[in-house]
Structures are given as C-alpha cells and as structure tokens.
Amino acid sequence: MTFDERYRAISSRDSRFDGQFVTAVRSTGIYCRPSCPARTPKQANVTFYPTSAAAHEAGYRACKRCLPEAAPGSPDWNLRGDVAARAMRLIADGVVEREGVPGLSTRLGYSPRHLTRLLAAELGAGPLALARAHRAHTARLLLVGTDLPAADVAFSAGFASVRQFNDTVREVFGLTPTELRARRRAGDAERTPAGIDLALPYREPFDPAGLFAWMGVRALAGVESGDRVSFARTLRLPRGAAWFRLTHAEGRLRLEASLQSLADLSPLVTRARRLFDLDADPLAIDEALGAHPELSTHVAENPGIRLPGTADPHELLIRAMVGQQISVSAARTHLTRLTDALGERVVLAGEERVLFPTMAAIAEQGGDVLRGPAARIRAITGAAAALASGELLLTTGDDAADQRAALLAMPGIGPWTADYVRMRVIGDPDVVLTGDVALRAGAARAGIPSDPRGLAEWAARAAPWRSYLSMHLWRLAAGPAVAGPVAAARPTDPRRSGD
C-alpha cells in the first residue's frame, strides 16, 4: 500500500487494516491501529510502520485508547513467503525465547548479523525487538483476559524476569501492568477451573461452522473432540503437554486451555490462531473470489471461509500419509488405532487425555500397529524416523519450495501430499490440488473445468487465493453438508487423502 492508501484507511477508521500496519504520530509520540477512534492526525505528522516493534524502536509507545497490540495479526506473513515472513511465523511460535537469535537465524539459513540487518531493513526492527513486541502482546492478552498473578503473566509471556516484564509493559503501553489490567472490560476475565480462558481476535466475516465441521469429522478419539460449536485437542509443546478448546459464541472466539507449563502459553495461542487461520483478511479474499461469476453466489452464501492450519506439522504429515488411498472415516480408524497403541496418556483439565504418538514411537513401533500395503507402512515409518532424527525438517517457517522438494524426495510422498502439507503447515494461500477428486467435483458443480489441466489454468485467475478457492470447491463438492477435502472421492482413488 502507498502512503496515500494507508492515510485514507486511517481517515475512514477502516478496521480491515488493523494488524496490517500501525500509524505513528510524531506530535504525540504514540502509535495506533488504523481504526483508532482518535482524531485523524495531519499527514505531515504521520509515519506508517509494518509492525508495532518498528514503531517502538523508533521511540513511539502504544495508544492507550485503541491498544494496537489487541488487533489480529497481519495476513502478510502467510501471503508472503520471503525471509521476513518466515521469521515472523517462527518468532510468533517462540523460537527466539527458546533458541535465541542464533537458533532463529540457523533455521532461516542466515548468520545472526545478516538476519538482523535484513529484518531491520524490511520490517524496521531486528529479531530481538520483534520477539519483545510479541511478548508484550502476550502479556497484554493475559493481563486483560485472566486473573493470573503478574509473575505468572511475566513468565508465560516469555520474559526472563518480572523486572523485564514491568519495564517492557511500561515502555510499550505507557502503563504499569496493574494499570493495564484495570482497563479491561467487565467479563473479559472469565477464568475457568481448567486453567486459561481468553478471547482471540479475528477479522469479520468468520466461518466457525465450517472450521468446526472440518475439525470434527477428522477428530481422533482421546486426542481430539469436536461438535458444531467447539473443537478441543491435546498437543505437545516445547515444555510439556497442553489441552485447549476453541468455542465460538455471541460473536467471540474463546480459547480455554490447561498447560503443564505456563511458559508454553504464547506458542499455544499462536498455534490455535494458525489452526483457525485467524489472521486472514477474509474481505480481500471474498472480494477477489466473488468477482468470478462461477463463484460469486457460493462466496456470498459462505463468507469468511478460512484455511485450516495445523497445531503440529509433524503430526499433519503422518495423518496425510495414513489417509492416502482410503476414506476419511477409514483414515480416522487407522489413526485412532495408532494413537490408542502408541499415544502417551496425560492428565489435563482434570481428565485423562491422549497425545498423538511421537515420531520416534511411530518410527519404532508403527509397523506393528498400522495396517495396509507394506510399502505405504514403510513410507510412513520412514518419514517419522526422518522427522525424529532431524533429517527431515518441517516447520511453519520453511521456505515453500524447499519444503516441497524435501517432501517429494521422501519415499511414498507425492505432489498431492507435499502440496497439501504446504497448504496447511505454512498456510500458503495459493495452492490448488488439481489431482483431488472432490475438489474437481466441486469445480464441475461451479461450472469450472474439472480436468486437472483445465482446472489449473482456470485457477490461475484466482491467484494469490487458490487455497481458499480450494476450500470453496471442497464445500461445493460436499453439497449441503460442510466438509473438507476428498469428501466426494472414491475410497480407492490414489489422488485423495483421508486427513
């Protein structure tokens, strides 16, 4: 966006751009979200920054009125595939807190010094400042959304000490933690006996029914559960196990969670947001796809469709591989058997729950549990072994082309699986699976060419939103029901997946 386009956005207080940039005002020394209700500043006093970290590094503090840290995140980090976007995804997942800047730079293939220069030039702040801004955002979320003691908030947000937490909150928000907590609205601190209860912001329109249906039909007993208004699951995080439930009611999406380590709360929130694609820009997506006559009616009837992500990239690859050549229900049966046999039992939120098996367990014992062709079982256990050893890396910060090449180099992984994993792990918004039978059935219903070549050529006009095009075509293939990929595929068709 140009300066003039951004200025028009803040002049109209357009909330669609919240989280996509911040407005710093030289005359006041503060930065705001685009929809801030304060009087529009003069153009001569305005500087736009891509991140709040950049504004803070330039000497500005957050507006106490609009609290820009409370906005949804920028959709750019999925739409873009460059180093800056990959770094932002990894920083949000807590890599800097766990591994430091050297760990982040190693993952991205740069030296720490060069990465710092690159991010400072691109985003206006280096990795430490970006991580600090993310910690401040998490701290604000906990202060206004829970009754956790300040010390627990500090360490849950990733701060090394309470003093560092206090100093950062004062610098960023111009308020002490106690003052910031006092500003919360009535009802924002509905903490449950199970642990944490937070509201997660998102951009309207939003399609929770589609997301809950997608997750529910694939839920593995013990690991996951889902219905029309909620989805819950367990997962491993860097410091221990966690359980969370997402519920949508009265226009709010709430995250209820129980963790073995509060220090994992920030990565958990990040993964929940990615799972439900909460940083997407649905108005831009719907406007682009709805401009095509073949899709206009369906987009209007199904606004705000999201692209489901994943809470665990390694798990997603195994689930996709297990689901190849069989139906969704059959895949769930195989995966449930796998988790029953190899999954670890933990007690979270007062109940015994099951964690999806580790890659090491699948590599060592999966062959005794899985059923099906021997070559497919070898491929699954081989992929698990490669993930467990680090030979195969699979993260949200991967370069898309490199990730696809690495997956295709593994026995038993073809283009469908590699592209499906890229779509859901990285959140790549521009993937269309032309070999997917259900997607092609949806294309035929929409009046779009349904042969692989014709579909690929037509889908090019939907770039850069071809993943969301895929979601609409899967929905069309399912008819009145809300379903996901391959709902209409034949159980023996090799071009479909059960995940």
Protein backbone atom coordinates (compact mmCIF):
# COMPACT_ATOMS: atom_id res chain seq x y z
CA MET A 1 0.00 0.00 0.00
CA THR A 2 1.11 3.54 -0.70
CA PHE A 3 1.22 6.28 1.92
CA ASP A 4 -1.95 7.82 0.47
CA GLU A 5 -3.80 4.49 0.59
CA ARG A 6 -2.83 3.98 4.21
CA TYR A 7 -3.80 7.53 5.09
CA ARG A 8 -7.23 7.04 3.51
CA ALA A 9 -7.60 3.86 5.60
CA ILE A 10 -6.92 5.69 8.87
CA SER A 11 -9.07 8.66 7.83
CA SER A 12 -12.03 6.30 7.43
CA ARG A 13 -11.02 4.30 10.55
CA ASP A 14 -11.14 1.15 8.47
CA SER A 15 -10.84 -1.84 10.82
CA ARG A 16 -9.99 -4.15 7.91
CA PHE A 17 -6.42 -2.90 8.12
CA ASP A 18 -5.97 -3.41 11.86
CA GLY A 19 -2.87 -5.53 12.36
CA GLN A 20 -1.55 -4.89 8.86
CA PHE A 21 0.31 -1.70 9.80
CA VAL A 22 0.45 0.87 12.60
CA THR A 23 0.26 4.65 12.46
CA ALA A 24 2.90 6.60 14.40
CA VAL A 25 2.17 10.26 15.16
CA ARG A 26 5.20 12.49 15.72
CA SER A 27 3.27 15.21 17.55
CA THR A 28 2.03 12.81 20.26
CA GLY A 29 4.74 10.13 20.29
CA ILE A 30 2.21 7.30 20.08
CA TYR A 31 1.29 4.65 17.51
CA CYS A 32 -2.24 3.41 16.79
CA ARG A 33 -4.14 0.81 14.83
CA PRO A 34 -5.81 2.12 11.62
CA SER A 35 -9.28 2.09 13.19
CA CYS A 36 -8.31 4.18 16.22
CA PRO A 37 -11.27 6.48 17.06
CA ALA A 38 -9.00 9.42 17.90
CA ARG A 39 -8.92 12.45 15.61
CA THR A 40 -7.08 11.74 12.37
CA PRO A 41 -3.58 13.26 12.58
CA LYS A 42 -2.18 15.59 9.95
CA GLN A 43 -0.36 13.85 7.12
CA ALA A 44 2.85 15.73 7.93
CA ASN A 45 2.91 14.17 11.40
CA VAL A 46 2.29 10.56 10.29
CA THR A 47 4.72 7.70 9.72
CA PHE A 48 3.47 4.21 8.91
CA TYR A 49 5.28 1.12 10.18
CA PRO A 50 4.71 -2.52 9.21
CA THR A 51 4.94 -3.71 12.82
CA SER A 52 4.47 -2.32 16.31
CA ALA A 53 8.06 -3.38 17.05
CA ALA A 54 9.29 -0.97 14.38
CA ALA A 55 7.24 1.87 15.87
CA HIS A 56 8.55 1.12 19.34
CA GLU A 57 12.13 1.00 18.08
CA ALA A 58 11.55 4.45 16.58
CA GLY A 59 10.61 5.78 20.02
CA TYR A 60 6.80 5.56 20.00
CA ARG A 61 4.53 3.93 22.58
CA ALA A 62 1.20 2.17 22.05
CA CYS A 63 -2.02 4.14 22.13
CA LYS A 64 -3.92 3.62 25.39
CA ARG A 65 -7.21 4.12 23.61
CA CYS A 66 -7.06 1.62 20.73
CA LEU A 67 -4.36 -0.77 22.05
CA PRO A 68 -2.89 -1.78 18.67
CA GLU A 69 -1.45 -4.97 20.18
CA ALA A 70 -5.03 -6.25 20.57
CA ALA A 71 -5.60 -6.36 16.79
CA PRO A 72 -5.46 -9.58 14.77
CA GLY A 73 -2.07 -10.33 13.24
CA SER A 74 -1.04 -9.39 9.74
CA PRO A 75 -2.10 -11.75 6.92
CA ASP A 76 1.15 -10.81 5.14
CA TRP A 77 3.16 -13.44 6.99
CA ASN A 78 1.28 -16.22 5.18
CA LEU A 79 0.72 -14.39 1.91
CA ARG A 80 4.42 -13.61 1.67
CA GLY A 81 6.98 -16.40 1.53
CA ASP A 82 10.16 -14.35 1.95
CA VAL A 83 12.61 -14.49 4.84
CA ALA A 84 10.86 -11.73 6.77
CA ALA A 85 7.54 -13.59 6.68
CA ARG A 86 9.15 -16.90 7.64
CA ALA A 87 10.95 -15.17 10.51
CA MET A 88 7.70 -13.64 11.78
CA ARG A 89 6.00 -17.05 11.83
CA LEU A 90 8.87 -18.57 13.81
CA ILE A 91 9.11 -15.62 16.21
CA ALA A 92 5.38 -15.93 16.93
CA ASP A 93 5.95 -19.61 17.76
CA GLY A 94 8.52 -18.62 20.41
CA VAL A 95 11.73 -19.68 18.64
CA VAL A 96 13.68 -16.63 19.88
CA GLU A 97 12.69 -17.32 23.51
CA ARG A 98 13.74 -20.98 23.21
CA GLU A 99 16.73 -20.83 20.88
CA GLY A 100 17.75 -17.19 20.74
CA VAL A 101 18.59 -15.23 17.62
CA PRO A 102 21.29 -17.79 16.63
CA GLY A 103 18.64 -20.53 16.61
CA LEU A 104 16.27 -18.43 14.52
CA SER A 105 18.98 -17.49 12.03
CA THR A 106 20.12 -21.11 11.69
CA ARG A 107 16.58 -22.19 10.86
CA LEU A 108 16.41 -19.50 8.17
CA GLY A 109 19.87 -20.13 6.77
CA TYR A 110 21.49 -16.79 7.63
CA SER A 111 24.03 -15.51 10.11
CA PRO A 112 22.55 -13.68 13.13
CA ARG A 113 24.10 -10.40 11.99
CA HIS A 114 22.81 -10.66 8.44
CA LEU A 115 19.33 -11.69 9.60
CA THR A 116 19.20 -8.71 11.97
CA ARG A 117 20.18 -6.36 9.14
CA LEU A 118 17.65 -7.92 6.79
CA LEU A 119 14.73 -7.70 9.23
CA ALA A 120 15.65 -4.18 10.32
CA ALA A 121 15.67 -3.05 6.68
CA GLU A 122 12.43 -4.88 5.80
CA LEU A 123 10.38 -4.52 8.99
CA GLY A 124 12.06 -1.67 10.86
CA ALA A 125 13.14 -3.89 13.76
CA GLY A 126 15.51 -6.78 14.38
CA PRO A 127 14.54 -10.23 15.72
CA LEU A 128 15.05 -9.29 19.37
CA ALA A 129 12.76 -6.26 19.05
CA LEU A 130 10.16 -8.29 17.15
CA ALA A 131 10.22 -11.01 19.81
CA ARG A 132 9.95 -8.36 22.51
CA ALA A 133 6.85 -6.90 20.83
CA HIS A 134 5.32 -10.38 20.66
CA ARG A 135 5.97 -10.86 24.39
CA ALA A 136 4.31 -7.52 25.10
CA HIS A 137 1.27 -8.58 23.07
CA THR A 138 1.01 -11.87 25.00
CA ALA A 139 1.41 -10.04 28.32
CA ARG A 140 -1.42 -7.64 27.42
CA LEU A 141 -3.63 -10.59 26.44
CA LEU A 142 -3.04 -12.26 29.81
CA LEU A 143 -3.34 -9.12 31.89
CA VAL A 144 -6.74 -8.17 30.48
CA GLY A 145 -8.02 -11.71 29.91
CA THR A 146 -7.03 -13.63 33.04
CA ASP A 147 -6.54 -13.26 36.77
CA LEU A 148 -3.07 -14.80 36.67
CA PRO A 149 -0.60 -13.22 39.12
CA ALA A 150 1.77 -10.74 37.48
CA ALA A 151 4.74 -13.09 37.95
CA ASP A 152 2.90 -15.89 36.13
CA VAL A 153 1.98 -13.48 33.35
CA ALA A 154 5.61 -12.43 33.01
CA PHE A 155 6.97 -15.94 32.57
CA SER A 156 4.01 -17.15 30.49
CA ALA A 157 4.65 -14.31 28.04
CA GLY A 158 8.32 -15.30 27.72
CA PHE A 159 10.03 -12.65 29.84
CA ALA A 160 13.20 -13.65 31.67
CA SER A 161 12.28 -11.73 34.82
CA VAL A 162 9.43 -9.80 36.43
CA ARG A 163 11.52 -6.64 36.24
CA GLN A 164 11.96 -7.04 32.48
CA PHE A 165 8.22 -7.63 32.19
CA ASN A 166 7.37 -4.49 34.18
CA ASP A 167 9.81 -2.33 32.23
CA THR A 168 8.59 -3.56 28.84
CA VAL A 169 4.90 -3.10 29.64
CA ARG A 170 5.57 0.45 30.84
CA GLU A 171 7.67 1.28 27.78
CA VAL A 172 5.26 -0.18 25.21
CA PHE A 173 1.92 0.81 26.71
CA GLY A 174 2.80 3.75 28.94
CA LEU A 175 1.03 1.90 31.78
CA THR A 176 2.12 -0.38 34.59
CA PRO A 177 0.86 -3.98 34.46
CA THR A 178 -1.60 -3.15 37.26
CA GLU A 179 -2.92 -0.12 35.36
CA LEU A 180 -3.23 -2.12 32.14
CA ARG A 181 -5.18 -4.87 33.92
CA ALA A 182 -7.51 -2.30 35.45
CA ARG A 183 -8.56 -1.19 31.95
CA ARG A 184 -10.12 -4.49 30.97
CA ARG A 185 -13.82 -4.64 30.27
CA ALA A 186 -16.28 -6.41 32.55
CA GLY A 187 -16.48 -10.08 31.61
CA ASP A 188 -13.03 -10.22 30.00
CA ALA A 189 -11.56 -12.26 32.85
CA GLU A 190 -13.73 -15.36 32.81
CA ARG A 191 -11.09 -17.77 34.02
CA THR A 192 -12.24 -21.36 34.26
CA PRO A 193 -11.19 -24.03 36.77
CA ALA A 194 -9.34 -25.81 33.96
CA GLY A 195 -6.81 -23.00 33.55
CA ILE A 196 -6.84 -20.19 30.98
CA ASP A 197 -9.80 -18.61 29.19
CA LEU A 198 -9.00 -15.94 26.57
CA ALA A 199 -10.79 -14.16 23.73
CA LEU A 200 -8.96 -14.41 20.38
CA PRO A 201 -9.47 -11.50 17.94
CA TYR A 202 -10.18 -12.12 14.26
CA ARG A 203 -11.41 -10.23 11.22
CA GLU A 204 -15.00 -10.49 10.08
CA PRO A 205 -16.60 -12.24 8.32
CA PHE A 206 -15.80 -15.52 10.03
CA ASP A 207 -16.96 -19.07 9.26
CA PRO A 208 -16.71 -21.01 12.54
CA ALA A 209 -19.26 -23.64 11.45
CA GLY A 210 -17.06 -24.67 8.54
CA LEU A 211 -13.97 -24.88 10.70
CA PHE A 212 -15.66 -26.87 13.45
CA ALA A 213 -17.11 -29.25 10.85
CA TRP A 214 -13.72 -29.73 9.21
CA MET A 215 -12.03 -30.49 12.52
CA GLY A 216 -14.86 -32.58 13.91
CA VAL A 217 -15.04 -35.03 11.04
CA ARG A 218 -11.31 -35.77 11.47
CA ALA A 219 -11.20 -35.79 15.28
CA LEU A 220 -9.28 -38.71 16.82
CA ALA A 221 -10.92 -40.08 19.96
CA GLY A 222 -8.89 -39.24 23.04
CA VAL A 223 -6.71 -36.72 21.20
CA GLU A 224 -9.45 -34.50 19.80
CA SER A 225 -13.15 -33.81 20.08
CA GLY A 226 -15.43 -31.55 18.12
CA ASP A 227 -19.03 -30.55 17.60
CA ARG A 228 -20.93 -27.76 15.83
CA VAL A 229 -19.71 -25.01 18.16
CA SER A 230 -16.36 -26.14 19.55
CA PHE A 231 -13.15 -28.06 18.92
CA ALA A 232 -10.69 -29.39 21.51
CA ARG A 233 -7.43 -31.31 21.44
CA THR A 234 -4.21 -32.16 23.21
CA LEU A 235 -0.76 -31.47 21.84
CA ARG A 236 2.90 -31.40 22.77
CA LEU A 237 4.54 -28.05 23.23
CA PRO A 238 8.23 -27.26 23.83
CA ARG A 239 7.98 -27.51 27.63
CA GLY A 240 5.19 -30.02 28.14
CA ALA A 241 1.72 -31.15 27.16
CA ALA A 242 -1.32 -28.93 26.77
CA TRP A 243 -5.04 -29.18 26.13
CA PHE A 244 -7.15 -26.45 24.59
CA ARG A 245 -10.70 -25.89 23.43
CA LEU A 246 -11.92 -23.25 20.96
CA THR A 247 -15.55 -22.18 21.27
CA HIS A 248 -17.48 -19.63 19.27
CA ALA A 249 -20.49 -17.92 20.85
CA GLU A 250 -22.03 -14.46 20.78
CA GLY A 251 -19.58 -13.29 18.16
CA ARG A 252 -16.46 -14.18 20.17
CA LEU A 253 -13.94 -16.97 19.80
CA ARG A 254 -12.67 -18.14 23.17
CA LEU A 255 -9.63 -20.26 23.96
CA GLU A 256 -9.82 -22.37 27.10
CA ALA A 257 -6.55 -24.10 27.96
CA SER A 258 -4.72 -26.18 30.51
CA LEU A 259 -0.92 -26.46 30.27
CA GLN A 260 1.79 -28.35 32.10
CA SER A 261 3.98 -25.26 31.71
CA LEU A 262 2.59 -21.72 31.54
CA ALA A 263 5.70 -20.78 29.56
CA ASP A 264 4.08 -22.60 26.61
CA LEU A 265 1.03 -20.36 26.57
CA SER A 266 2.31 -17.98 23.90
CA PRO A 267 3.15 -20.80 21.43
CA LEU A 268 -0.23 -22.37 22.19
CA VAL A 269 -2.10 -19.17 21.33
CA THR A 270 -0.05 -18.82 18.14
CA ARG A 271 -0.82 -22.40 17.07
CA ALA A 272 -4.52 -22.03 17.86
CA ARG A 273 -4.61 -18.88 15.74
CA ARG A 274 -2.88 -20.66 12.86
CA LEU A 275 -5.17 -23.68 13.21
CA PHE A 276 -8.22 -21.48 12.65
CA ASP A 277 -6.50 -19.02 10.26
CA LEU A 278 -7.44 -16.07 12.45
CA ASP A 279 -5.03 -13.60 10.83
CA ALA A 280 -6.56 -13.96 7.37
CA ASP A 281 -8.08 -11.00 5.51
CA PRO A 282 -11.47 -12.51 4.56
CA LEU A 283 -12.87 -9.39 2.93
CA ALA A 284 -9.98 -9.23 0.47
CA ILE A 285 -10.26 -12.97 -0.23
CA ASP A 286 -14.04 -12.93 -0.68
CA GLU A 287 -13.89 -9.84 -2.88
CA ALA A 288 -11.31 -11.44 -5.18
CA LEU A 289 -13.01 -14.83 -5.45
CA GLY A 290 -16.53 -13.40 -5.60
CA ALA A 291 -15.56 -11.38 -8.68
CA HIS A 292 -15.68 -14.59 -10.75
CA PRO A 293 -19.21 -15.40 -11.96
CA GLU A 294 -18.70 -19.12 -11.33
CA LEU A 295 -18.06 -18.46 -7.62
CA SER A 296 -19.97 -15.28 -6.82
CA THR A 297 -23.12 -16.92 -5.44
CA HIS A 298 -21.25 -19.51 -3.39
CA VAL A 299 -18.87 -16.93 -1.91
CA ALA A 300 -21.80 -14.69 -0.99
CA GLU A 301 -23.53 -17.62 0.73
CA ASN A 302 -20.35 -18.73 2.54
CA PRO A 303 -18.48 -15.60 3.59
CA GLY A 304 -15.30 -15.75 5.63
CA ILE A 305 -14.18 -19.28 4.77
CA ARG A 306 -10.85 -20.00 6.45
CA LEU A 307 -7.95 -22.27 5.54
CA PRO A 308 -7.45 -24.76 8.40
CA GLY A 309 -3.87 -24.92 9.59
CA THR A 310 -2.27 -27.39 11.98
CA ALA A 311 -1.16 -27.40 15.60
CA ASP A 312 1.65 -29.88 14.85
CA PRO A 313 3.36 -30.03 11.42
CA HIS A 314 4.89 -33.46 12.06
CA GLU A 315 1.55 -34.94 13.03
CA LEU A 316 -0.11 -33.48 9.93
CA LEU A 317 2.36 -35.20 7.60
CA ILE A 318 1.72 -38.58 9.22
CA ARG A 319 -2.03 -38.07 9.11
CA ALA A 320 -1.90 -37.12 5.43
CA MET A 321 0.21 -40.16 4.59
CA VAL A 322 -2.01 -42.55 6.56
CA GLY A 323 -5.05 -41.12 4.79
CA GLN A 324 -3.79 -41.69 1.25
CA GLN A 325 -5.95 -44.03 -0.85
CA ILE A 326 -8.59 -44.55 1.85
CA SER A 327 -11.70 -42.70 3.01
CA VAL A 328 -11.82 -40.09 5.75
CA SER A 329 -13.55 -42.46 8.16
CA ALA A 330 -11.11 -45.29 7.39
CA ALA A 331 -8.17 -42.95 7.95
CA ARG A 332 -9.62 -41.91 11.29
CA THR A 333 -9.96 -45.58 12.25
CA HIS A 334 -6.28 -46.27 11.43
CA LEU A 335 -5.09 -43.13 13.19
CA THR A 336 -7.20 -43.84 16.28
CA ARG A 337 -5.67 -47.31 16.47
CA LEU A 338 -2.23 -45.72 16.20
CA THR A 339 -2.87 -43.22 18.99
CA ASP A 340 -4.50 -45.84 21.24
CA ALA A 341 -1.44 -48.08 20.90
CA LEU A 342 1.39 -45.52 20.94
CA GLY A 343 -0.02 -42.28 22.33
CA GLU A 344 1.06 -41.02 25.74
CA ARG A 345 -1.59 -40.60 28.45
CA VAL A 346 -1.62 -37.32 30.37
CA VAL A 347 -3.99 -35.68 32.84
CA LEU A 348 -5.01 -32.18 31.79
CA ALA A 349 -8.01 -30.11 32.92
CA GLY A 350 -8.87 -32.89 35.35
CA GLU A 351 -9.24 -35.63 32.73
CA GLU A 352 -7.01 -38.29 31.22
CA ARG A 353 -6.23 -37.41 27.63
CA VAL A 354 -4.09 -38.85 24.84
CA LEU A 355 -1.21 -37.21 22.97
CA PHE A 356 -0.62 -38.08 19.34
CA PRO A 357 2.34 -40.50 19.21
CA THR A 358 5.85 -39.13 18.94
CA MET A 359 7.67 -39.53 15.65
CA ALA A 360 10.17 -41.81 17.40
CA ALA A 361 7.38 -44.10 18.60
CA ILE A 362 5.83 -44.30 15.13
CA ALA A 363 9.22 -44.98 13.56
CA GLU A 364 9.99 -47.80 16.01
CA GLN A 365 6.56 -49.39 16.54
CA GLY A 366 4.27 -48.04 13.85
CA GLY A 367 4.90 -51.02 11.62
CA ASP A 368 3.33 -53.30 14.24
CA VAL A 369 0.19 -51.17 14.53
CA LEU A 370 -0.54 -49.79 11.07
CA ARG A 371 -2.47 -51.83 8.52
CA GLY A 372 -2.27 -51.68 4.75
CA PRO A 373 0.26 -52.15 1.95
CA ALA A 374 3.78 -52.82 3.24
CA ALA A 375 5.26 -50.09 1.02
CA ARG A 376 2.92 -47.49 2.47
CA ILE A 377 3.70 -48.52 6.04
CA ARG A 378 7.44 -48.33 5.30
CA ALA A 379 6.94 -44.85 3.84
CA ILE A 380 5.07 -43.68 6.95
CA THR A 381 7.57 -45.10 9.44
CA GLY A 382 10.44 -43.83 7.29
CA ALA A 383 9.02 -40.29 7.28
CA ALA A 384 8.52 -40.49 11.05
CA ALA A 385 12.13 -41.62 11.52
CA ALA A 386 13.39 -38.76 9.35
CA LEU A 387 11.36 -36.26 11.37
CA ALA A 388 12.53 -37.74 14.66
CA SER A 389 16.20 -37.63 13.68
CA GLY A 390 16.05 -34.16 12.15
CA GLU A 391 16.92 -35.46 8.70
CA LEU A 392 13.58 -34.05 7.53
CA LEU A 393 12.65 -30.60 8.86
CA LEU A 394 9.05 -29.49 8.76
CA THR A 395 8.10 -26.15 10.36
CA THR A 396 5.87 -23.15 9.77
CA GLY A 397 8.99 -21.15 8.88
CA ASP A 398 10.08 -23.34 5.96
CA ASP A 399 10.67 -21.95 2.51
CA ALA A 400 7.75 -23.31 0.45
CA ALA A 401 9.83 -24.58 -2.48
CA ASP A 402 12.45 -26.16 -0.24
CA GLN A 403 9.80 -27.85 1.90
CA ARG A 404 8.05 -29.27 -1.16
CA ALA A 405 11.31 -30.58 -2.60
CA ALA A 406 12.29 -32.20 0.69
CA LEU A 407 8.93 -33.94 0.98
CA LEU A 408 8.94 -35.16 -2.62
CA ALA A 409 12.38 -36.66 -2.01
CA MET A 410 10.87 -38.96 0.64
CA PRO A 411 9.58 -42.39 -0.49
CA GLY A 412 5.80 -42.57 -0.64
CA ILE A 413 5.18 -38.81 -0.75
CA GLY A 414 3.77 -37.44 -3.98
CA PRO A 415 2.75 -33.99 -5.21
CA TRP A 416 -0.74 -34.12 -3.62
CA THR A 417 0.64 -34.79 -0.14
CA ALA A 418 3.51 -32.30 -0.47
CA ASP A 419 1.17 -29.53 -1.62
CA TYR A 420 -1.50 -30.35 0.95
CA VAL A 421 1.12 -30.18 3.72
CA ARG A 422 2.41 -26.87 2.36
CA MET A 423 -1.12 -25.50 2.33
CA ARG A 424 -1.78 -26.38 5.96
CA VAL A 425 1.65 -26.15 7.62
CA ILE A 426 2.92 -22.91 6.09
CA GLY A 427 -0.55 -21.53 5.49
CA ASP A 428 0.30 -20.94 1.84
CA PRO A 429 -2.81 -19.19 0.46
CA ASP A 430 -2.08 -20.03 -3.18
CA VAL A 431 -2.24 -23.82 -3.57
CA VAL A 432 -4.74 -25.75 -5.69
CA LEU A 433 -4.74 -29.55 -5.66
CA THR A 434 -5.76 -30.30 -9.23
CA GLY A 435 -5.48 -34.06 -8.68
CA ASP A 436 -8.00 -34.08 -5.84
CA VAL A 437 -11.20 -35.86 -6.92
CA ALA A 438 -13.55 -33.99 -4.57
CA LEU A 439 -12.06 -30.63 -5.48
CA ARG A 440 -12.62 -31.43 -9.15
CA ALA A 441 -16.20 -32.48 -8.40
CA GLY A 442 -16.74 -29.11 -6.74
CA ALA A 443 -15.24 -27.38 -9.76
CA ALA A 444 -17.69 -29.20 -12.04
CA ARG A 445 -20.61 -28.05 -9.86
CA ALA A 446 -19.37 -24.47 -10.12
CA GLY A 447 -19.05 -24.65 -13.90
CA ILE A 448 -15.25 -24.58 -13.74
CA PRO A 449 -13.19 -27.01 -15.87
CA SER A 450 -12.75 -30.17 -13.80
CA ASP A 451 -9.91 -31.90 -15.61
CA PRO A 452 -6.51 -31.30 -13.94
CA ARG A 453 -5.08 -29.14 -16.73
CA GLY A 454 -8.23 -27.13 -17.26
CA LEU A 455 -8.69 -26.59 -13.53
CA ALA A 456 -5.07 -25.45 -13.14
CA GLU A 457 -5.46 -22.96 -15.98
CA TRP A 458 -8.75 -21.58 -14.65
CA ALA A 459 -7.45 -21.41 -11.06
CA ALA A 460 -4.57 -19.17 -12.14
CA ARG A 461 -7.05 -16.30 -12.27
CA ALA A 462 -7.77 -16.82 -8.55
CA ALA A 463 -4.15 -16.21 -7.51
CA PRO A 464 -2.98 -15.49 -4.85
CA TRP A 465 -6.01 -17.09 -3.14
CA ARG A 466 -6.08 -20.54 -4.73
CA SER A 467 -6.04 -22.32 -1.35
CA TYR A 468 -9.27 -20.51 -0.44
CA LEU A 469 -10.63 -21.38 -3.87
CA SER A 470 -9.91 -24.99 -2.94
CA MET A 471 -11.87 -24.61 0.30
CA HIS A 472 -14.87 -23.30 -1.64
CA LEU A 473 -14.68 -26.12 -4.18
CA TRP A 474 -14.49 -28.73 -1.41
CA ARG A 475 -17.52 -27.12 0.18
CA LEU A 476 -19.38 -27.27 -3.15
CA ALA A 477 -18.46 -30.93 -3.57
CA ALA A 478 -19.99 -31.70 -0.19
CA GLY A 479 -23.34 -30.22 -1.18
CA PRO A 480 -25.50 -29.04 1.72
CA ALA A 481 -23.10 -30.52 4.31
CA VAL A 482 -19.96 -28.74 5.44
CA ALA A 483 -16.98 -30.95 4.71
CA GLY A 484 -13.37 -30.84 3.67
CA PRO A 485 -11.12 -32.29 1.01
CA VAL A 486 -11.96 -35.50 -0.79
CA ALA A 487 -15.47 -35.78 0.67
CA ALA A 488 -16.69 -36.98 -2.71
CA ALA A 489 -13.67 -39.11 -3.57
CA ARG A 490 -13.79 -42.83 -4.09
CA PRO A 491 -12.11 -44.80 -1.26
CA THR A 492 -9.64 -46.41 -3.64
CA ASP A 493 -8.69 -43.31 -5.57
CA PRO A 494 -4.94 -42.64 -5.04
CA ARG A 495 -5.36 -38.91 -5.59
CA ARG A 496 -7.19 -38.23 -2.37
CA SER A 497 -6.37 -38.18 1.28
CA GLY A 498 -8.25 -39.08 4.41
CA ASP A 499 -6.89 -36.27 6.52
